[in-house]
N, C-alpha and C. Protein backbone atom coordinates (compact mmCIF):
# COMPACT_ATOMS: atom_id res chain seq x y z
N MET A 1 -12.25 -14.83 -1.77
CA MET A 1 -12.96 -13.58 -1.75
C MET A 1 -13.77 -13.48 -3.02
N GLN A 2 -14.94 -12.95 -2.92
CA GLN A 2 -15.82 -12.76 -4.06
C GLN A 2 -15.92 -11.28 -4.38
N SER A 3 -16.10 -10.96 -5.62
CA SER A 3 -16.29 -9.58 -6.03
C SER A 3 -17.38 -9.53 -7.08
N SER A 4 -18.16 -8.48 -7.09
CA SER A 4 -19.15 -8.33 -8.15
C SER A 4 -18.92 -7.00 -8.84
N ASN A 5 -19.15 -6.99 -10.13
CA ASN A 5 -19.01 -5.76 -10.89
C ASN A 5 -20.10 -4.79 -10.46
N TYR A 6 -19.76 -3.55 -10.24
CA TYR A 6 -20.68 -2.55 -9.71
C TYR A 6 -21.90 -2.37 -10.59
N TYR A 7 -21.75 -2.49 -11.89
CA TYR A 7 -22.86 -2.21 -12.80
C TYR A 7 -23.65 -3.46 -13.15
N ARG A 8 -23.01 -4.59 -13.27
CA ARG A 8 -23.71 -5.81 -13.69
C ARG A 8 -24.25 -6.63 -12.54
N ARG A 9 -23.72 -6.47 -11.36
CA ARG A 9 -24.16 -7.20 -10.17
C ARG A 9 -24.02 -8.72 -10.31
N THR A 10 -23.04 -9.18 -11.02
CA THR A 10 -22.78 -10.61 -11.11
C THR A 10 -21.61 -10.94 -10.20
N THR A 11 -21.68 -12.08 -9.53
CA THR A 11 -20.65 -12.48 -8.58
C THR A 11 -19.70 -13.47 -9.25
N LYS A 12 -18.40 -13.26 -9.03
CA LYS A 12 -17.40 -14.14 -9.61
C LYS A 12 -16.08 -13.94 -8.87
N ASP A 13 -15.18 -14.89 -8.99
CA ASP A 13 -13.82 -14.72 -8.49
C ASP A 13 -13.07 -13.85 -9.49
N VAL A 14 -12.38 -12.83 -8.98
CA VAL A 14 -11.69 -11.92 -9.89
C VAL A 14 -10.30 -11.59 -9.37
N ARG A 15 -9.45 -11.23 -10.29
CA ARG A 15 -8.16 -10.58 -10.03
C ARG A 15 -8.16 -9.37 -10.94
N ALA A 16 -8.40 -8.21 -10.36
CA ALA A 16 -8.60 -7.01 -11.15
C ALA A 16 -7.40 -6.09 -11.07
N VAL A 17 -7.15 -5.39 -12.16
CA VAL A 17 -6.16 -4.32 -12.20
C VAL A 17 -6.89 -3.04 -11.86
N TRP A 18 -6.32 -2.24 -10.97
CA TRP A 18 -6.95 -0.99 -10.57
C TRP A 18 -6.22 0.14 -11.25
N ALA A 19 -6.97 1.01 -11.94
CA ALA A 19 -6.39 2.17 -12.61
C ALA A 19 -7.32 3.37 -12.41
N ALA A 20 -6.73 4.56 -12.36
CA ALA A 20 -7.52 5.77 -12.15
C ALA A 20 -6.82 6.96 -12.77
N ALA A 21 -7.60 7.99 -13.09
CA ALA A 21 -7.07 9.28 -13.52
C ALA A 21 -7.10 10.21 -12.32
N GLY A 22 -6.19 11.15 -12.28
CA GLY A 22 -6.18 12.03 -11.12
C GLY A 22 -5.38 13.30 -11.34
N THR A 23 -5.43 14.15 -10.33
CA THR A 23 -4.68 15.38 -10.33
C THR A 23 -3.82 15.44 -9.06
N LEU A 24 -2.78 16.26 -9.08
CA LEU A 24 -1.87 16.37 -7.94
C LEU A 24 -1.41 17.82 -7.82
N LEU A 25 -1.45 18.33 -6.60
CA LEU A 25 -0.91 19.66 -6.30
C LEU A 25 0.23 19.46 -5.31
N ARG A 26 1.39 20.05 -5.62
CA ARG A 26 2.57 19.87 -4.77
C ARG A 26 3.14 21.22 -4.39
N LEU A 27 3.45 21.37 -3.09
CA LEU A 27 4.08 22.58 -2.57
C LEU A 27 5.40 22.19 -1.91
N ARG A 28 6.44 23.00 -2.15
CA ARG A 28 7.76 22.70 -1.57
C ARG A 28 8.37 23.97 -1.00
N CYS A 29 8.86 23.86 0.23
CA CYS A 29 9.62 24.94 0.87
C CYS A 29 11.05 24.45 1.01
N THR A 30 11.99 25.24 0.53
CA THR A 30 13.39 24.82 0.57
C THR A 30 14.22 25.78 1.41
N GLY A 31 15.21 25.21 2.05
CA GLY A 31 16.21 25.98 2.78
C GLY A 31 17.56 25.68 2.15
N PRO A 32 18.64 26.13 2.78
CA PRO A 32 19.97 25.88 2.21
C PRO A 32 20.31 24.39 2.08
N ASN A 33 19.90 23.57 3.06
CA ASN A 33 20.27 22.16 3.04
C ASN A 33 19.09 21.19 3.14
N ILE A 34 17.89 21.70 3.41
CA ILE A 34 16.74 20.81 3.60
C ILE A 34 15.53 21.31 2.82
N PHE A 35 14.54 20.46 2.68
CA PHE A 35 13.27 20.86 2.09
C PHE A 35 12.13 20.11 2.77
N VAL A 36 10.96 20.73 2.74
CA VAL A 36 9.71 20.14 3.22
C VAL A 36 8.72 20.22 2.06
N GLU A 37 8.01 19.13 1.84
CA GLU A 37 7.11 19.07 0.71
C GLU A 37 5.76 18.52 1.15
N ALA A 38 4.67 19.13 0.67
CA ALA A 38 3.32 18.65 0.93
C ALA A 38 2.61 18.51 -0.41
N ASN A 39 1.81 17.45 -0.55
CA ASN A 39 1.03 17.32 -1.77
C ASN A 39 -0.32 16.70 -1.47
N GLY A 40 -1.25 16.96 -2.36
CA GLY A 40 -2.59 16.43 -2.23
C GLY A 40 -3.22 16.33 -3.61
N GLY A 41 -4.19 15.49 -3.73
CA GLY A 41 -4.83 15.33 -5.03
C GLY A 41 -6.12 14.58 -4.92
N ILE A 42 -6.69 14.31 -6.07
CA ILE A 42 -7.94 13.55 -6.16
C ILE A 42 -7.80 12.55 -7.31
N VAL A 43 -8.35 11.36 -7.11
CA VAL A 43 -8.30 10.32 -8.13
C VAL A 43 -9.72 9.85 -8.46
N PHE A 44 -9.92 9.46 -9.71
CA PHE A 44 -11.20 8.98 -10.21
C PHE A 44 -10.99 7.59 -10.82
N PRO A 45 -11.42 6.52 -10.15
CA PRO A 45 -11.20 5.16 -10.66
C PRO A 45 -11.92 4.92 -11.98
N PHE A 46 -11.27 4.19 -12.88
CA PHE A 46 -11.89 3.82 -14.15
C PHE A 46 -12.93 2.74 -13.95
N THR A 47 -12.69 1.81 -13.05
CA THR A 47 -13.67 0.77 -12.73
C THR A 47 -13.95 0.82 -11.24
N ARG A 48 -15.17 0.49 -10.87
CA ARG A 48 -15.55 0.51 -9.46
C ARG A 48 -16.03 -0.88 -9.07
N GLU A 49 -15.21 -1.56 -8.30
CA GLU A 49 -15.53 -2.91 -7.87
C GLU A 49 -16.22 -2.90 -6.51
N ARG A 50 -17.01 -3.91 -6.26
CA ARG A 50 -17.63 -4.12 -4.95
C ARG A 50 -17.04 -5.41 -4.39
N VAL A 51 -16.51 -5.34 -3.18
CA VAL A 51 -15.92 -6.50 -2.53
C VAL A 51 -16.95 -7.06 -1.55
N LEU A 52 -17.19 -8.37 -1.67
CA LEU A 52 -18.19 -9.05 -0.84
C LEU A 52 -17.53 -10.19 -0.09
N PHE A 53 -18.05 -10.49 1.09
CA PHE A 53 -17.68 -11.70 1.81
C PHE A 53 -18.91 -12.58 1.84
N GLN A 54 -18.75 -13.83 1.44
CA GLN A 54 -19.89 -14.72 1.32
C GLN A 54 -19.70 -15.94 2.20
N THR A 55 -20.72 -16.23 2.99
CA THR A 55 -20.77 -17.47 3.76
C THR A 55 -21.87 -18.33 3.16
N GLU A 56 -22.12 -19.49 3.74
CA GLU A 56 -23.17 -20.35 3.19
C GLU A 56 -24.55 -19.75 3.37
N SER A 57 -24.73 -18.90 4.39
CA SER A 57 -26.06 -18.38 4.67
C SER A 57 -26.28 -16.92 4.26
N GLN A 58 -25.21 -16.15 4.05
CA GLN A 58 -25.40 -14.73 3.74
C GLN A 58 -24.23 -14.17 2.94
N VAL A 59 -24.49 -13.01 2.34
CA VAL A 59 -23.47 -12.26 1.60
C VAL A 59 -23.37 -10.89 2.26
N LEU A 60 -22.17 -10.51 2.66
CA LEU A 60 -21.95 -9.24 3.34
C LEU A 60 -21.15 -8.29 2.46
N ASP A 61 -21.63 -7.05 2.33
CA ASP A 61 -20.86 -6.02 1.63
C ASP A 61 -19.68 -5.63 2.50
N ALA A 62 -18.48 -5.67 1.94
CA ALA A 62 -17.29 -5.28 2.69
C ALA A 62 -16.81 -3.90 2.27
N PHE A 63 -16.83 -3.62 0.95
CA PHE A 63 -16.29 -2.34 0.48
C PHE A 63 -16.76 -2.07 -0.94
N ASP A 64 -17.17 -0.83 -1.18
CA ASP A 64 -17.46 -0.33 -2.53
C ASP A 64 -16.42 0.72 -2.86
N VAL A 65 -15.78 0.60 -4.01
CA VAL A 65 -14.80 1.61 -4.43
C VAL A 65 -15.56 2.90 -4.71
N PRO A 66 -15.17 4.01 -4.10
CA PRO A 66 -15.89 5.28 -4.32
C PRO A 66 -15.62 5.84 -5.72
N SER A 67 -16.47 6.77 -6.15
CA SER A 67 -16.29 7.37 -7.47
C SER A 67 -15.11 8.35 -7.49
N ALA A 68 -14.72 8.86 -6.33
CA ALA A 68 -13.56 9.74 -6.23
C ALA A 68 -12.94 9.56 -4.85
N ALA A 69 -11.63 9.77 -4.78
CA ALA A 69 -10.93 9.64 -3.49
C ALA A 69 -9.81 10.68 -3.44
N GLY A 70 -9.48 11.11 -2.24
CA GLY A 70 -8.42 12.09 -2.05
C GLY A 70 -7.12 11.46 -1.60
N THR A 71 -6.03 12.14 -1.87
CA THR A 71 -4.70 11.69 -1.43
C THR A 71 -3.98 12.86 -0.77
N MET A 72 -3.13 12.55 0.20
CA MET A 72 -2.30 13.56 0.86
C MET A 72 -0.97 12.93 1.22
N ALA A 73 0.07 13.76 1.25
CA ALA A 73 1.39 13.30 1.67
C ALA A 73 2.20 14.48 2.19
N LEU A 74 3.10 14.18 3.09
CA LEU A 74 4.01 15.17 3.64
C LEU A 74 5.39 14.53 3.68
N GLY A 75 6.39 15.23 3.22
CA GLY A 75 7.73 14.67 3.20
C GLY A 75 8.78 15.72 3.49
N PHE A 76 9.96 15.24 3.77
CA PHE A 76 11.09 16.14 3.98
C PHE A 76 12.35 15.45 3.49
N GLY A 77 13.38 16.23 3.27
CA GLY A 77 14.62 15.66 2.77
C GLY A 77 15.79 16.60 2.98
N VAL A 78 16.94 16.08 2.68
CA VAL A 78 18.20 16.81 2.81
C VAL A 78 18.87 16.81 1.44
N PHE A 79 19.36 17.96 1.01
CA PHE A 79 20.10 18.04 -0.24
C PHE A 79 21.49 17.47 -0.05
N ALA A 80 21.93 16.64 -0.98
CA ALA A 80 23.28 16.07 -0.92
C ALA A 80 24.29 17.14 -1.34
N PRO A 81 25.42 17.20 -0.66
CA PRO A 81 26.44 18.21 -1.02
C PRO A 81 27.11 17.91 -2.34
C-alpha cells in the first residue's frame, strides 16, 4: 500500500502512528442493578494521511483522513452485588 503526506504530496511506503485530540460527552442512566450509557464526541487528527492504491498504469485515491470525525457509543451493564 502506498500513502502520500497530505501537504507534501510525496508518495512513499509508510507505517504511521495515528493520534488525535478530541472531546467526549457521556450520559448515564442508572437503576438499582443496571445502567445504560451513551456517549459521543469529536476528534481532530494531528496528521492527515492520504491512502492510495497504485497499479502500473494508474493511481487511485482510496481514502483521505478528514479534518474532524465524530464518535458515538451505547452501552449497558449490571452492577455487581
